[in-house]
Amino acid sequence: MFDTRKIKHIATLFTLCPQIYKWNVDLEDWEKVLRIGCQNITPTEISKALRAINIYAQELE
């Protein structure tokens, strides 16, 4: 379940990552897709950072 508390945790985390310049969570999608605009950071690095705050994500292909 994705709630506003998790979104606040993501916002706090991404504030500390200047490589991430834009992001949003599609709460209308049943998968609650997190979209990220970034540069000079890999999907693996983003996933690891999210796991550190107990949010598990993987890159869509």
Protein backbone atom coordinates (compact mmCIF):
# COMPACT_ATOMS: atom_id res chain seq x y z
CA MET A 1 0.00 0.00 0.00
CA PHE A 2 1.29 3.43 -0.94
CA ASP A 3 0.35 6.26 1.39
CA THR A 4 1.26 9.89 1.96
CA ARG A 5 3.80 8.91 4.62
CA LYS A 6 5.81 6.94 2.07
CA ILE A 7 5.60 9.82 -0.39
CA LYS A 8 6.98 12.17 2.27
CA HIS A 9 9.87 9.76 2.89
CA ILE A 10 10.61 9.68 -0.84
CA ALA A 11 10.48 13.49 -1.01
CA THR A 12 12.94 13.77 1.87
CA LEU A 13 15.29 11.24 0.28
CA PHE A 14 15.17 12.79 -3.18
CA THR A 15 15.81 16.27 -1.75
CA LEU A 16 19.21 14.90 -0.75
CA CYS A 17 19.89 13.67 -4.31
CA PRO A 18 20.59 16.63 -6.62
CA GLN A 19 20.80 14.20 -9.56
CA ILE A 20 17.03 13.70 -9.27
CA TYR A 21 15.38 16.82 -10.67
CA LYS A 22 11.79 15.59 -11.12
CA TRP A 23 9.66 12.75 -9.79
CA ASN A 24 6.06 11.73 -9.17
CA VAL A 25 3.98 8.76 -8.10
CA ASP A 26 1.00 7.77 -10.24
CA LEU A 27 -1.50 6.98 -7.50
CA GLU A 28 -4.19 6.23 -10.10
CA ASP A 29 -2.21 3.29 -11.50
CA TRP A 30 -2.76 0.01 -9.62
CA GLU A 31 1.05 -0.47 -9.49
CA LYS A 32 1.61 3.04 -8.05
CA VAL A 33 4.32 3.83 -10.60
CA LEU A 34 7.17 6.09 -9.45
CA ARG A 35 8.54 8.15 -12.35
CA ILE A 36 11.90 9.84 -11.98
CA GLY A 37 13.70 12.44 -14.07
CA CYS A 38 17.41 12.31 -13.29
CA GLN A 39 20.94 12.39 -14.61
CA ASN A 40 24.23 10.91 -13.44
CA ILE A 41 22.56 8.34 -11.19
CA THR A 42 21.72 4.75 -12.08
CA PRO A 43 18.46 2.90 -11.50
CA THR A 44 20.40 0.56 -9.20
CA GLU A 45 21.57 3.49 -7.06
CA ILE A 46 18.01 4.81 -6.84
CA SER A 47 16.66 1.37 -5.88
CA LYS A 48 19.30 1.01 -3.15
CA ALA A 49 18.47 4.45 -1.75
CA LEU A 50 14.76 3.61 -1.72
CA ARG A 51 15.42 0.26 -0.03
CA ALA A 52 17.22 2.14 2.75
CA ILE A 53 13.84 3.70 3.62
CA ASN A 54 11.96 0.41 3.17
CA ILE A 55 10.52 1.17 -0.25
CA TYR A 56 11.14 -1.49 -2.85
CA ALA A 57 11.20 -0.53 -6.52
CA GLN A 58 12.55 -1.81 -9.78
CA GLU A 59 13.13 -0.22 -13.15
CA LEU A 60 10.40 -0.74 -15.74
CA GLU A 61 11.59 -1.96 -19.09
